N, C-alpha and C. Protein backbone atom coordinates (compact mmCIF):
# COMPACT_ATOMS: atom_id res chain seq x y z
N MET A 1 109.44 88.65 95.22
CA MET A 1 108.47 89.13 96.18
C MET A 1 108.52 88.27 97.44
N THR A 2 108.42 88.94 98.58
CA THR A 2 108.43 88.21 99.83
C THR A 2 107.27 88.63 100.70
N GLY A 3 106.58 87.70 101.29
CA GLY A 3 105.57 87.88 102.33
C GLY A 3 104.77 89.15 102.34
N SER A 4 104.32 89.49 103.55
CA SER A 4 103.48 90.66 103.79
C SER A 4 104.27 91.74 104.48
N VAL A 5 103.82 92.94 104.30
CA VAL A 5 104.32 94.07 105.07
C VAL A 5 103.10 94.81 105.60
N ILE A 6 103.18 95.24 106.83
CA ILE A 6 102.13 96.05 107.45
C ILE A 6 102.69 97.47 107.51
N ALA A 7 101.87 98.44 107.16
CA ALA A 7 102.39 99.80 107.08
C ALA A 7 101.51 100.82 107.80
N ASP A 8 102.18 101.81 108.35
CA ASP A 8 101.54 102.99 108.90
C ASP A 8 101.47 104.03 107.78
N ALA A 9 100.73 105.08 107.98
CA ALA A 9 100.52 106.09 106.94
C ALA A 9 101.79 106.84 106.55
N GLY A 10 102.61 107.21 107.52
CA GLY A 10 103.78 108.05 107.24
C GLY A 10 104.69 107.50 106.16
N PRO A 11 105.16 106.26 106.27
CA PRO A 11 106.03 105.72 105.22
C PRO A 11 105.33 105.63 103.86
N LEU A 12 104.05 105.32 103.86
CA LEU A 12 103.32 105.23 102.59
C LEU A 12 103.22 106.60 101.92
N VAL A 13 102.89 107.60 102.72
CA VAL A 13 102.79 108.96 102.18
C VAL A 13 104.15 109.42 101.67
N GLY A 14 105.21 109.14 102.43
CA GLY A 14 106.55 109.54 102.01
C GLY A 14 106.94 108.90 100.69
N LEU A 15 106.70 107.59 100.55
CA LEU A 15 107.03 106.90 99.29
C LEU A 15 106.18 107.43 98.14
N ALA A 16 104.91 107.69 98.40
CA ALA A 16 104.03 108.21 97.35
C ALA A 16 104.48 109.59 96.89
N ARG A 17 104.89 110.42 97.82
CA ARG A 17 105.32 111.78 97.47
C ARG A 17 106.54 111.80 96.57
N ILE A 18 107.42 110.82 96.73
CA ILE A 18 108.63 110.81 95.89
C ILE A 18 108.50 109.83 94.71
N GLY A 19 107.28 109.34 94.50
CA GLY A 19 107.02 108.49 93.33
C GLY A 19 107.53 107.06 93.44
N LEU A 20 107.73 106.57 94.68
CA LEU A 20 108.28 105.23 94.86
C LEU A 20 107.33 104.25 95.56
N LEU A 21 106.07 104.58 95.63
CA LEU A 21 105.11 103.70 96.29
C LEU A 21 105.06 102.33 95.62
N ASP A 22 105.18 102.30 94.30
CA ASP A 22 105.14 101.03 93.57
C ASP A 22 106.26 100.07 93.99
N LEU A 23 107.31 100.60 94.58
CA LEU A 23 108.40 99.76 95.06
C LEU A 23 107.89 98.72 96.05
N LEU A 24 106.97 99.12 96.92
CA LEU A 24 106.40 98.17 97.88
C LEU A 24 105.67 97.04 97.17
N ARG A 25 104.91 97.39 96.16
CA ARG A 25 104.17 96.36 95.41
C ARG A 25 105.14 95.40 94.73
N ASP A 26 106.26 95.91 94.28
CA ASP A 26 107.25 95.06 93.62
C ASP A 26 107.99 94.16 94.61
N LEU A 27 108.11 94.59 95.86
CA LEU A 27 108.88 93.85 96.85
C LEU A 27 108.07 92.85 97.68
N TYR A 28 106.79 93.13 97.88
CA TYR A 28 106.00 92.32 98.80
C TYR A 28 104.74 91.79 98.14
N GLN A 29 104.31 90.60 98.59
CA GLN A 29 103.08 90.01 98.07
C GLN A 29 101.86 90.78 98.52
N GLU A 30 101.89 91.26 99.76
CA GLU A 30 100.76 92.00 100.32
C GLU A 30 101.27 93.22 101.06
N ILE A 31 100.55 94.31 100.93
CA ILE A 31 100.79 95.49 101.76
C ILE A 31 99.47 95.72 102.48
N LEU A 32 99.49 95.49 103.78
CA LEU A 32 98.27 95.59 104.58
C LEU A 32 98.32 96.82 105.46
N ILE A 33 97.17 97.46 105.60
CA ILE A 33 97.04 98.61 106.48
C ILE A 33 95.80 98.42 107.35
N PRO A 34 95.87 98.86 108.60
CA PRO A 34 94.68 98.80 109.45
C PRO A 34 93.73 99.96 109.13
N PRO A 35 92.49 99.90 109.62
CA PRO A 35 91.49 100.93 109.31
C PRO A 35 91.92 102.36 109.67
N ARG A 36 92.60 102.54 110.79
CA ARG A 36 93.03 103.90 111.15
C ARG A 36 93.99 104.47 110.12
N VAL A 37 94.87 103.65 109.61
CA VAL A 37 95.81 104.09 108.58
C VAL A 37 95.05 104.40 107.30
N PHE A 38 94.11 103.55 106.94
CA PHE A 38 93.26 103.79 105.77
C PHE A 38 92.59 105.16 105.89
N ASP A 39 92.04 105.46 107.07
CA ASP A 39 91.39 106.75 107.29
C ASP A 39 92.39 107.91 107.16
N GLU A 40 93.60 107.72 107.69
CA GLU A 40 94.62 108.77 107.59
C GLU A 40 94.99 109.04 106.14
N LEU A 41 95.05 108.00 105.33
CA LEU A 41 95.40 108.18 103.92
C LEU A 41 94.30 108.90 103.17
N ARG A 42 93.06 108.63 103.50
CA ARG A 42 91.92 109.28 102.84
C ARG A 42 91.82 110.76 103.21
N VAL A 43 92.22 111.10 104.41
CA VAL A 43 92.20 112.50 104.85
C VAL A 43 93.15 113.33 104.00
N SER A 44 94.19 112.71 103.50
CA SER A 44 95.24 113.40 102.77
C SER A 44 94.99 113.46 101.27
N GLU A 45 93.76 113.32 100.83
CA GLU A 45 93.48 113.22 99.39
C GLU A 45 94.00 114.39 98.56
N SER A 46 94.16 115.57 99.16
CA SER A 46 94.62 116.72 98.39
C SER A 46 96.14 116.88 98.40
N ARG A 47 96.84 116.03 99.13
CA ARG A 47 98.29 116.16 99.24
C ARG A 47 99.03 115.50 98.08
N LEU A 48 100.27 115.92 97.92
CA LEU A 48 101.16 115.31 96.94
C LEU A 48 101.28 113.82 97.22
N GLY A 49 101.13 113.00 96.21
CA GLY A 49 101.22 111.55 96.36
C GLY A 49 99.90 110.87 96.63
N SER A 50 98.85 111.65 96.90
CA SER A 50 97.57 111.04 97.26
C SER A 50 96.97 110.25 96.09
N ARG A 51 97.21 110.67 94.89
CA ARG A 51 96.67 109.96 93.73
C ARG A 51 97.24 108.53 93.67
N ALA A 52 98.52 108.38 93.92
CA ALA A 52 99.16 107.05 93.91
C ALA A 52 98.59 106.18 95.03
N LEU A 53 98.37 106.76 96.20
CA LEU A 53 97.81 106.00 97.32
C LEU A 53 96.39 105.55 97.02
N LEU A 54 95.57 106.44 96.51
CA LEU A 54 94.20 106.09 96.18
C LEU A 54 94.14 105.03 95.07
N GLU A 55 95.06 105.11 94.13
CA GLU A 55 95.12 104.11 93.06
C GLU A 55 95.54 102.74 93.62
N ALA A 56 96.48 102.73 94.54
CA ALA A 56 96.90 101.47 95.16
C ALA A 56 95.76 100.82 95.93
N ILE A 57 94.95 101.63 96.60
CA ILE A 57 93.78 101.11 97.31
C ILE A 57 92.74 100.61 96.30
N ARG A 58 92.51 101.38 95.26
CA ARG A 58 91.53 100.98 94.25
C ARG A 58 91.92 99.68 93.57
N LEU A 59 93.20 99.51 93.28
CA LEU A 59 93.68 98.29 92.62
C LEU A 59 93.88 97.13 93.60
N GLN A 60 93.66 97.40 94.87
CA GLN A 60 93.70 96.40 95.94
C GLN A 60 95.05 95.72 96.14
N TRP A 61 96.12 96.45 95.89
CA TRP A 61 97.42 95.93 96.32
C TRP A 61 97.83 96.58 97.64
N LEU A 62 97.10 97.58 98.04
CA LEU A 62 97.18 98.16 99.38
C LEU A 62 95.82 97.85 100.00
N VAL A 63 95.81 96.93 100.98
CA VAL A 63 94.55 96.36 101.47
C VAL A 63 94.33 96.69 102.94
N CYS A 64 93.13 97.14 103.24
CA CYS A 64 92.75 97.45 104.62
C CYS A 64 92.27 96.17 105.32
N VAL A 65 92.86 95.89 106.49
CA VAL A 65 92.52 94.70 107.27
C VAL A 65 92.33 95.12 108.72
N GLN A 66 91.24 94.67 109.31
CA GLN A 66 90.92 94.99 110.71
C GLN A 66 91.66 94.05 111.66
N PRO A 67 92.47 94.60 112.59
CA PRO A 67 93.08 93.71 113.59
C PRO A 67 92.02 93.26 114.59
N GLU A 68 92.27 92.13 115.21
CA GLU A 68 91.39 91.65 116.28
C GLU A 68 91.55 92.57 117.49
N PRO A 69 90.45 92.90 118.17
CA PRO A 69 90.58 93.76 119.37
C PRO A 69 91.37 93.04 120.47
N THR A 70 92.26 93.78 121.10
CA THR A 70 93.06 93.21 122.19
C THR A 70 93.30 94.27 123.25
N GLU A 71 93.64 93.82 124.44
CA GLU A 71 94.01 94.75 125.51
C GLU A 71 95.32 95.47 125.16
N GLU A 72 96.20 94.79 124.43
CA GLU A 72 97.48 95.39 124.05
C GLU A 72 97.26 96.64 123.20
N LEU A 73 96.22 96.62 122.37
CA LEU A 73 95.93 97.80 121.54
C LEU A 73 95.66 99.01 122.43
N GLN A 74 94.87 98.82 123.45
CA GLN A 74 94.57 99.93 124.36
C GLN A 74 95.84 100.45 125.04
N SER A 75 96.74 99.55 125.40
CA SER A 75 98.00 99.97 126.02
C SER A 75 98.87 100.74 125.03
N LEU A 76 98.93 100.26 123.79
CA LEU A 76 99.74 100.94 122.77
C LEU A 76 99.22 102.34 122.47
N LEU A 77 97.92 102.53 122.58
CA LEU A 77 97.34 103.84 122.31
C LEU A 77 97.83 104.91 123.28
N LEU A 78 98.36 104.48 124.41
CA LEU A 78 98.94 105.42 125.36
C LEU A 78 100.33 105.87 124.94
N LEU A 79 100.94 105.14 124.00
CA LEU A 79 102.33 105.39 123.61
C LEU A 79 102.51 105.94 122.20
N VAL A 80 101.65 105.52 121.28
CA VAL A 80 101.77 105.94 119.87
C VAL A 80 100.40 106.30 119.33
N ASP A 81 100.38 106.88 118.15
CA ASP A 81 99.09 107.27 117.57
C ASP A 81 98.28 106.03 117.17
N PRO A 82 96.97 106.20 116.96
CA PRO A 82 96.10 105.06 116.68
C PRO A 82 96.50 104.24 115.45
N GLY A 83 96.95 104.89 114.39
CA GLY A 83 97.36 104.17 113.19
C GLY A 83 98.55 103.26 113.46
N GLU A 84 99.53 103.77 114.17
CA GLU A 84 100.70 102.95 114.50
C GLU A 84 100.35 101.83 115.46
N ALA A 85 99.49 102.12 116.42
CA ALA A 85 99.08 101.08 117.37
C ALA A 85 98.39 99.94 116.64
N GLU A 86 97.46 100.27 115.75
CA GLU A 86 96.78 99.23 114.98
C GLU A 86 97.74 98.48 114.06
N ALA A 87 98.68 99.20 113.48
CA ALA A 87 99.65 98.55 112.58
C ALA A 87 100.52 97.55 113.36
N ILE A 88 100.96 97.92 114.54
CA ILE A 88 101.78 97.02 115.36
C ILE A 88 100.99 95.77 115.73
N ILE A 89 99.76 95.96 116.18
CA ILE A 89 98.92 94.81 116.56
C ILE A 89 98.64 93.94 115.35
N LEU A 90 98.31 94.54 114.23
CA LEU A 90 98.02 93.77 113.02
C LEU A 90 99.24 92.95 112.58
N ALA A 91 100.42 93.56 112.66
CA ALA A 91 101.65 92.86 112.28
C ALA A 91 101.90 91.65 113.19
N ILE A 92 101.67 91.83 114.48
CA ILE A 92 101.84 90.72 115.42
C ILE A 92 100.82 89.62 115.13
N GLN A 93 99.56 90.01 114.96
CA GLN A 93 98.51 89.03 114.73
C GLN A 93 98.69 88.27 113.41
N ARG A 94 99.20 88.93 112.40
CA ARG A 94 99.39 88.31 111.10
C ARG A 94 100.73 87.58 110.98
N GLY A 95 101.58 87.75 111.98
CA GLY A 95 102.91 87.15 111.90
C GLY A 95 103.72 87.72 110.75
N ALA A 96 103.50 89.01 110.48
CA ALA A 96 104.20 89.68 109.38
C ALA A 96 105.68 89.77 109.68
N ARG A 97 106.46 89.68 108.65
CA ARG A 97 107.91 89.78 108.80
C ARG A 97 108.37 91.24 108.88
N PHE A 98 107.61 92.14 108.25
CA PHE A 98 108.01 93.54 108.18
C PHE A 98 106.88 94.46 108.64
N LEU A 99 107.29 95.53 109.32
CA LEU A 99 106.38 96.56 109.81
C LEU A 99 107.01 97.92 109.49
N LEU A 100 106.28 98.74 108.74
CA LEU A 100 106.78 100.08 108.37
C LEU A 100 106.08 101.14 109.20
N ILE A 101 106.82 101.75 110.10
CA ILE A 101 106.31 102.88 110.89
C ILE A 101 107.40 103.94 110.94
N ASP A 102 107.00 105.15 111.31
CA ASP A 102 107.98 106.24 111.32
C ASP A 102 107.97 107.05 112.60
N ASP A 103 107.29 106.60 113.61
CA ASP A 103 107.20 107.34 114.87
C ASP A 103 108.39 107.03 115.76
N LYS A 104 108.95 108.04 116.37
CA LYS A 104 110.11 107.86 117.24
C LYS A 104 109.81 106.89 118.39
N GLN A 105 108.63 107.01 118.99
CA GLN A 105 108.25 106.11 120.07
C GLN A 105 107.97 104.70 119.55
N GLY A 106 107.62 104.59 118.29
CA GLY A 106 107.29 103.29 117.70
C GLY A 106 108.49 102.39 117.53
N GLY A 107 109.67 102.96 117.34
CA GLY A 107 110.88 102.17 117.12
C GLY A 107 111.16 101.15 118.22
N PRO A 108 111.22 101.59 119.49
CA PRO A 108 111.45 100.62 120.56
C PRO A 108 110.34 99.57 120.66
N LEU A 109 109.10 99.97 120.41
CA LEU A 109 107.99 99.02 120.44
C LEU A 109 108.13 98.01 119.30
N GLN A 110 108.53 98.52 118.16
CA GLN A 110 108.72 97.68 116.98
C GLN A 110 109.80 96.63 117.27
N ARG A 111 110.91 97.05 117.84
CA ARG A 111 111.99 96.12 118.18
C ARG A 111 111.55 95.14 119.26
N ALA A 112 110.81 95.61 120.26
CA ALA A 112 110.35 94.74 121.33
C ALA A 112 109.41 93.66 120.81
N ALA A 113 108.66 93.99 119.76
CA ALA A 113 107.74 93.02 119.17
C ALA A 113 108.44 92.07 118.21
N GLY A 114 109.75 92.30 117.97
CA GLY A 114 110.52 91.39 117.13
C GLY A 114 110.67 91.81 115.70
N PHE A 115 110.38 93.07 115.38
CA PHE A 115 110.54 93.57 114.02
C PHE A 115 111.82 94.39 113.93
N ALA A 116 112.50 94.30 112.79
CA ALA A 116 113.70 95.11 112.58
C ALA A 116 113.29 96.58 112.44
N SER A 117 114.15 97.46 112.88
CA SER A 117 113.84 98.89 112.73
C SER A 117 114.76 99.55 111.73
């Protein structure tokens, strides 16, 4: 297991749908999500994979963490959706080694912030 990973909803939903969400728990010490991502996951309660996501939240290996408010967050909201913006800010603030996002616009931002894409 290595460090923390910060995740947006898309990759989590994708892994849950194909039954591989537990892979993240096996690979990382912490899987952190910002509040907007938490809300996005709860909206999807009736979708395929939602049971695994809700179980991960219940067992607290998928943990919701509030990023500190910053001006950068407001700027990012002009470029990506709120969940991705919060995930990027949270990853920077936590000094996370990994950031999981799936937005096309997020890739260049992810690389600019020093995360592999």
